[in-house]
Amino acid sequence: MGIQDIIEGKKQWRAHLARVKALPRDYQIVYKEMQRYLFKVGPIDLVGGTLLSGIVDFFEEGVADGKGVLELIGDDVAAFCDDLIKDSPTNADIFQESISQRRTSGA
């Protein structure tokens, strides 16, 4: 990864954050909770992938349709996030695999 890649990544992240800040306050709060949860759970491709920008797209559509954020995702933010990443490998999965491999190899 070169310096140009880092600069471009920062530009994209700032543009992403600007989109989040343009959302209504209740959407921003839920987005931040989702982001916090997803960073904790750790899907491998979270930052480089399309998950976070896809959430913002989904929220922007909800705003355009005049829906409240909880109408879109329900009352359980964690359950909604878990459903989004159910087929994605997480850092926790990789850690669990490494533990299992150590146990089977006797290390």
N, C-alpha and C. Protein backbone atom coordinates (compact mmCIF):
# COMPACT_ATOMS: atom_id res chain seq x y z
N MET A 1 0.85 -1.18 0.00
CA MET A 1 0.00 0.00 0.00
C MET A 1 0.89 1.23 0.00
N GLY A 2 0.74 2.03 -1.04
CA GLY A 2 1.54 3.24 -1.17
C GLY A 2 0.87 4.44 -0.53
N ILE A 3 1.59 5.53 -0.54
CA ILE A 3 1.09 6.76 0.07
C ILE A 3 -0.17 7.25 -0.65
N GLN A 4 -0.22 7.08 -1.96
CA GLN A 4 -1.40 7.50 -2.72
C GLN A 4 -2.63 6.70 -2.30
N ASP A 5 -2.45 5.41 -2.02
CA ASP A 5 -3.56 4.57 -1.56
C ASP A 5 -4.07 5.05 -0.21
N ILE A 6 -3.14 5.42 0.66
CA ILE A 6 -3.52 5.91 1.99
C ILE A 6 -4.29 7.22 1.87
N ILE A 7 -3.78 8.12 1.04
CA ILE A 7 -4.45 9.41 0.84
C ILE A 7 -5.84 9.20 0.25
N GLU A 8 -5.95 8.35 -0.74
CA GLU A 8 -7.26 8.08 -1.36
C GLU A 8 -8.21 7.45 -0.36
N GLY A 9 -7.70 6.54 0.46
CA GLY A 9 -8.53 5.92 1.49
C GLY A 9 -9.06 6.94 2.49
N LYS A 10 -8.22 7.88 2.86
CA LYS A 10 -8.66 8.94 3.79
C LYS A 10 -9.71 9.83 3.15
N LYS A 11 -9.54 10.14 1.88
CA LYS A 11 -10.54 10.95 1.18
C LYS A 11 -11.89 10.24 1.14
N GLN A 12 -11.84 8.95 0.84
CA GLN A 12 -13.08 8.16 0.78
C GLN A 12 -13.74 8.10 2.15
N TRP A 13 -12.94 7.92 3.21
CA TRP A 13 -13.49 7.85 4.56
C TRP A 13 -14.13 9.18 4.96
N ARG A 14 -13.47 10.29 4.63
CA ARG A 14 -14.03 11.61 4.94
C ARG A 14 -15.34 11.83 4.19
N ALA A 15 -15.40 11.41 2.93
CA ALA A 15 -16.64 11.53 2.15
C ALA A 15 -17.73 10.68 2.77
N HIS A 16 -17.37 9.50 3.24
CA HIS A 16 -18.33 8.62 3.91
C HIS A 16 -18.87 9.28 5.17
N LEU A 17 -17.99 9.83 5.98
CA LEU A 17 -18.42 10.50 7.22
C LEU A 17 -19.30 11.71 6.93
N ALA A 18 -19.03 12.42 5.83
CA ALA A 18 -19.87 13.56 5.45
C ALA A 18 -21.28 13.08 5.11
N ARG A 19 -21.39 11.92 4.47
CA ARG A 19 -22.71 11.36 4.17
C ARG A 19 -23.45 11.01 5.45
N VAL A 20 -22.72 10.45 6.42
CA VAL A 20 -23.34 10.10 7.70
C VAL A 20 -23.83 11.37 8.40
N LYS A 21 -23.02 12.41 8.39
CA LYS A 21 -23.39 13.67 9.06
C LYS A 21 -24.58 14.35 8.39
N ALA A 22 -24.83 14.03 7.13
CA ALA A 22 -25.96 14.62 6.42
C ALA A 22 -27.29 13.92 6.77
N LEU A 23 -27.20 12.77 7.42
CA LEU A 23 -28.41 12.04 7.82
C LEU A 23 -29.08 12.75 9.01
N PRO A 24 -30.39 12.52 9.19
CA PRO A 24 -31.06 13.04 10.39
C PRO A 24 -30.39 12.50 11.66
N ARG A 25 -30.53 13.23 12.74
CA ARG A 25 -29.85 12.90 14.01
C ARG A 25 -30.12 11.47 14.48
N ASP A 26 -31.37 11.00 14.42
CA ASP A 26 -31.66 9.65 14.89
C ASP A 26 -30.95 8.60 14.05
N TYR A 27 -30.84 8.84 12.75
CA TYR A 27 -30.11 7.93 11.87
C TYR A 27 -28.62 7.94 12.22
N GLN A 28 -28.08 9.13 12.50
CA GLN A 28 -26.66 9.23 12.87
C GLN A 28 -26.36 8.43 14.13
N ILE A 29 -27.24 8.55 15.11
CA ILE A 29 -27.04 7.84 16.38
C ILE A 29 -27.04 6.33 16.16
N VAL A 30 -28.01 5.85 15.40
CA VAL A 30 -28.09 4.40 15.13
C VAL A 30 -26.90 3.95 14.30
N TYR A 31 -26.51 4.75 13.31
CA TYR A 31 -25.34 4.40 12.50
C TYR A 31 -24.10 4.25 13.38
N LYS A 32 -23.89 5.20 14.28
CA LYS A 32 -22.71 5.14 15.15
C LYS A 32 -22.74 3.92 16.06
N GLU A 33 -23.93 3.55 16.53
CA GLU A 33 -24.05 2.33 17.34
C GLU A 33 -23.74 1.09 16.49
N MET A 34 -24.23 1.08 15.27
CA MET A 34 -23.95 -0.04 14.37
C MET A 34 -22.46 -0.12 14.07
N GLN A 35 -21.86 1.02 13.79
CA GLN A 35 -20.43 1.06 13.48
C GLN A 35 -19.62 0.55 14.68
N ARG A 36 -19.96 1.02 15.87
CA ARG A 36 -19.26 0.59 17.08
C ARG A 36 -19.38 -0.92 17.25
N TYR A 37 -20.59 -1.44 17.06
CA TYR A 37 -20.82 -2.87 17.21
C TYR A 37 -20.03 -3.65 16.16
N LEU A 38 -20.07 -3.19 14.92
CA LEU A 38 -19.38 -3.91 13.85
C LEU A 38 -17.87 -3.87 14.02
N PHE A 39 -17.33 -2.74 14.49
CA PHE A 39 -15.89 -2.69 14.75
C PHE A 39 -15.51 -3.64 15.88
N LYS A 40 -16.40 -3.82 16.84
CA LYS A 40 -16.12 -4.73 17.95
C LYS A 40 -16.18 -6.19 17.49
N VAL A 41 -17.21 -6.52 16.72
CA VAL A 41 -17.38 -7.89 16.25
C VAL A 41 -16.33 -8.22 15.20
N GLY A 42 -16.04 -7.27 14.35
CA GLY A 42 -14.91 -7.38 13.44
C GLY A 42 -15.07 -8.18 12.19
N PRO A 43 -16.06 -7.90 11.32
CA PRO A 43 -16.01 -8.54 10.01
C PRO A 43 -14.70 -8.15 9.32
N ILE A 44 -14.06 -9.08 8.69
CA ILE A 44 -12.72 -8.86 8.15
C ILE A 44 -12.68 -7.71 7.15
N ASP A 45 -13.66 -7.62 6.27
CA ASP A 45 -13.62 -6.61 5.22
C ASP A 45 -14.43 -5.35 5.56
N LEU A 46 -14.56 -5.04 6.84
CA LEU A 46 -15.42 -3.94 7.26
C LEU A 46 -15.00 -2.60 6.66
N VAL A 47 -13.77 -2.20 6.85
CA VAL A 47 -13.34 -0.87 6.41
C VAL A 47 -13.14 -0.83 4.90
N GLY A 48 -12.51 -1.83 4.35
CA GLY A 48 -12.24 -1.84 2.91
C GLY A 48 -13.41 -2.28 2.07
N GLY A 49 -14.39 -2.87 2.69
CA GLY A 49 -15.53 -3.40 1.94
C GLY A 49 -16.62 -2.37 1.75
N THR A 50 -17.80 -2.87 1.43
CA THR A 50 -18.92 -1.99 1.12
C THR A 50 -19.99 -1.99 2.20
N LEU A 51 -19.76 -2.67 3.30
CA LEU A 51 -20.79 -2.80 4.32
C LEU A 51 -21.23 -1.45 4.89
N LEU A 52 -20.29 -0.65 5.35
CA LEU A 52 -20.64 0.63 5.96
C LEU A 52 -21.27 1.58 4.95
N SER A 53 -20.73 1.64 3.74
CA SER A 53 -21.34 2.53 2.74
C SER A 53 -22.71 1.99 2.32
N GLY A 54 -22.88 0.68 2.35
CA GLY A 54 -24.18 0.10 2.05
C GLY A 54 -25.22 0.47 3.10
N ILE A 55 -24.79 0.53 4.35
CA ILE A 55 -25.70 0.95 5.43
C ILE A 55 -26.13 2.39 5.20
N VAL A 56 -25.18 3.25 4.84
CA VAL A 56 -25.51 4.66 4.58
C VAL A 56 -26.47 4.76 3.39
N ASP A 57 -26.22 3.99 2.34
CA ASP A 57 -27.14 3.97 1.19
C ASP A 57 -28.55 3.60 1.65
N PHE A 58 -28.64 2.55 2.44
CA PHE A 58 -29.92 2.06 2.96
C PHE A 58 -30.61 3.14 3.80
N PHE A 59 -29.84 3.81 4.64
CA PHE A 59 -30.39 4.87 5.48
C PHE A 59 -30.84 6.07 4.63
N GLU A 60 -30.07 6.43 3.63
CA GLU A 60 -30.46 7.54 2.76
C GLU A 60 -31.78 7.24 2.05
N GLU A 61 -31.96 6.00 1.63
CA GLU A 61 -33.22 5.60 1.00
C GLU A 61 -34.37 5.69 2.01
N GLY A 62 -34.12 5.28 3.25
CA GLY A 62 -35.13 5.36 4.29
C GLY A 62 -35.54 6.79 4.57
N VAL A 63 -34.57 7.69 4.59
CA VAL A 63 -34.86 9.11 4.80
C VAL A 63 -35.70 9.63 3.64
N ALA A 64 -35.30 9.28 2.42
CA ALA A 64 -36.02 9.74 1.23
C ALA A 64 -37.47 9.23 1.22
N ASP A 65 -37.67 8.04 1.79
CA ASP A 65 -39.02 7.46 1.85
C ASP A 65 -39.80 7.96 3.06
N GLY A 66 -39.18 8.79 3.89
CA GLY A 66 -39.85 9.35 5.06
C GLY A 66 -40.03 8.36 6.20
N LYS A 67 -39.17 7.34 6.26
CA LYS A 67 -39.27 6.33 7.32
C LYS A 67 -38.33 6.67 8.47
N GLY A 68 -38.72 6.28 9.66
CA GLY A 68 -37.86 6.39 10.82
C GLY A 68 -36.83 5.28 10.78
N VAL A 69 -35.70 5.50 11.40
CA VAL A 69 -34.62 4.53 11.35
C VAL A 69 -35.03 3.19 11.97
N LEU A 70 -35.82 3.22 13.05
CA LEU A 70 -36.22 1.96 13.68
C LEU A 70 -37.25 1.20 12.84
N GLU A 71 -37.95 1.90 11.95
CA GLU A 71 -38.83 1.22 11.00
C GLU A 71 -38.00 0.37 10.04
N LEU A 72 -36.78 0.82 9.76
CA LEU A 72 -35.91 0.11 8.82
C LEU A 72 -35.22 -1.08 9.46
N ILE A 73 -34.70 -0.88 10.66
CA ILE A 73 -33.84 -1.92 11.24
C ILE A 73 -34.46 -2.67 12.40
N GLY A 74 -35.53 -2.16 12.98
CA GLY A 74 -36.13 -2.78 14.16
C GLY A 74 -35.50 -2.22 15.43
N ASP A 75 -35.90 -2.79 16.56
CA ASP A 75 -35.45 -2.28 17.86
C ASP A 75 -34.09 -2.82 18.30
N ASP A 76 -33.63 -3.89 17.69
CA ASP A 76 -32.39 -4.54 18.14
C ASP A 76 -31.27 -4.30 17.13
N VAL A 77 -30.45 -3.31 17.40
CA VAL A 77 -29.36 -2.94 16.49
C VAL A 77 -28.39 -4.10 16.31
N ALA A 78 -28.03 -4.77 17.39
CA ALA A 78 -27.07 -5.87 17.32
C ALA A 78 -27.61 -7.01 16.45
N ALA A 79 -28.87 -7.35 16.61
CA ALA A 79 -29.46 -8.43 15.81
C ALA A 79 -29.46 -8.05 14.33
N PHE A 80 -29.76 -6.80 14.03
CA PHE A 80 -29.73 -6.34 12.64
C PHE A 80 -28.32 -6.47 12.08
N CYS A 81 -27.32 -6.03 12.85
CA CYS A 81 -25.93 -6.12 12.41
C CYS A 81 -25.50 -7.58 12.24
N ASP A 82 -25.87 -8.41 13.19
CA ASP A 82 -25.52 -9.83 13.09
C ASP A 82 -26.09 -10.44 11.81
N ASP A 83 -27.30 -10.04 11.45
CA ASP A 83 -27.91 -10.56 10.23
C ASP A 83 -27.15 -10.07 9.00
N LEU A 84 -26.65 -8.83 9.04
CA LEU A 84 -25.89 -8.30 7.92
C LEU A 84 -24.59 -9.07 7.67
N ILE A 85 -23.97 -9.52 8.75
CA ILE A 85 -22.64 -10.15 8.61
C ILE A 85 -22.67 -11.66 8.82
N LYS A 86 -23.85 -12.25 8.81
CA LYS A 86 -23.96 -13.67 9.15
C LYS A 86 -23.12 -14.58 8.25
N ASP A 87 -22.87 -14.20 7.01
CA ASP A 87 -22.08 -15.03 6.11
C ASP A 87 -20.66 -14.52 5.92
N SER A 88 -20.26 -13.51 6.68
CA SER A 88 -18.94 -12.91 6.55
C SER A 88 -18.01 -13.44 7.64
N PRO A 89 -16.79 -13.81 7.26
CA PRO A 89 -15.83 -14.21 8.30
C PRO A 89 -15.47 -13.01 9.17
N THR A 90 -15.32 -13.25 10.46
CA THR A 90 -14.97 -12.18 11.38
C THR A 90 -13.60 -12.44 11.99
N ASN A 91 -13.05 -11.42 12.63
CA ASN A 91 -11.79 -11.60 13.35
C ASN A 91 -11.95 -12.64 14.45
N ALA A 92 -13.12 -12.68 15.06
CA ALA A 92 -13.38 -13.68 16.10
C ALA A 92 -13.32 -15.08 15.51
N ASP A 93 -13.84 -15.27 14.30
CA ASP A 93 -13.77 -16.58 13.63
C ASP A 93 -12.32 -17.00 13.41
N ILE A 94 -11.50 -16.07 12.93
CA ILE A 94 -10.09 -16.36 12.68
C ILE A 94 -9.38 -16.72 13.98
N PHE A 95 -9.67 -15.97 15.04
CA PHE A 95 -9.07 -16.25 16.34
C PHE A 95 -9.48 -17.63 16.82
N GLN A 96 -10.76 -17.96 16.69
CA GLN A 96 -11.26 -19.27 17.12
C GLN A 96 -10.59 -20.39 16.33
N GLU A 97 -10.41 -20.18 15.02
CA GLU A 97 -9.73 -21.18 14.20
C GLU A 97 -8.30 -21.39 14.65
N SER A 98 -7.61 -20.30 14.97
CA SER A 98 -6.21 -20.42 15.40
C SER A 98 -6.11 -21.17 16.72
N ILE A 99 -7.07 -20.95 17.62
CA ILE A 99 -7.09 -21.68 18.89
C ILE A 99 -7.33 -23.16 18.63
N SER A 100 -8.27 -23.46 17.77
CA SER A 100 -8.56 -24.85 17.43
C SER A 100 -7.36 -25.54 16.81
N GLN A 101 -6.66 -24.83 15.93
CA GLN A 101 -5.48 -25.41 15.28
C GLN A 101 -4.36 -25.67 16.28
N ARG A 102 -4.21 -24.75 17.25
CA ARG A 102 -3.18 -24.95 18.28
C ARG A 102 -3.49 -26.17 19.12
N ARG A 103 -4.76 -26.35 19.43
CA ARG A 103 -5.17 -27.50 20.26
C ARG A 103 -4.92 -28.81 19.52
N THR A 104 -5.22 -28.84 18.24
CA THR A 104 -5.05 -30.08 17.48
C THR A 104 -3.59 -30.37 17.17
N SER A 105 -2.76 -29.32 17.11
CA SER A 105 -1.35 -29.53 16.82
C SER A 105 -0.52 -29.72 18.08
N GLY A 106 -1.16 -29.51 19.24
CA GLY A 106 -0.48 -29.72 20.51
C GLY A 106 0.41 -28.56 20.92
N ALA A 107 0.29 -27.45 20.30
CA ALA A 107 1.16 -26.29 20.61
C ALA A 107 0.68 -25.56 21.83
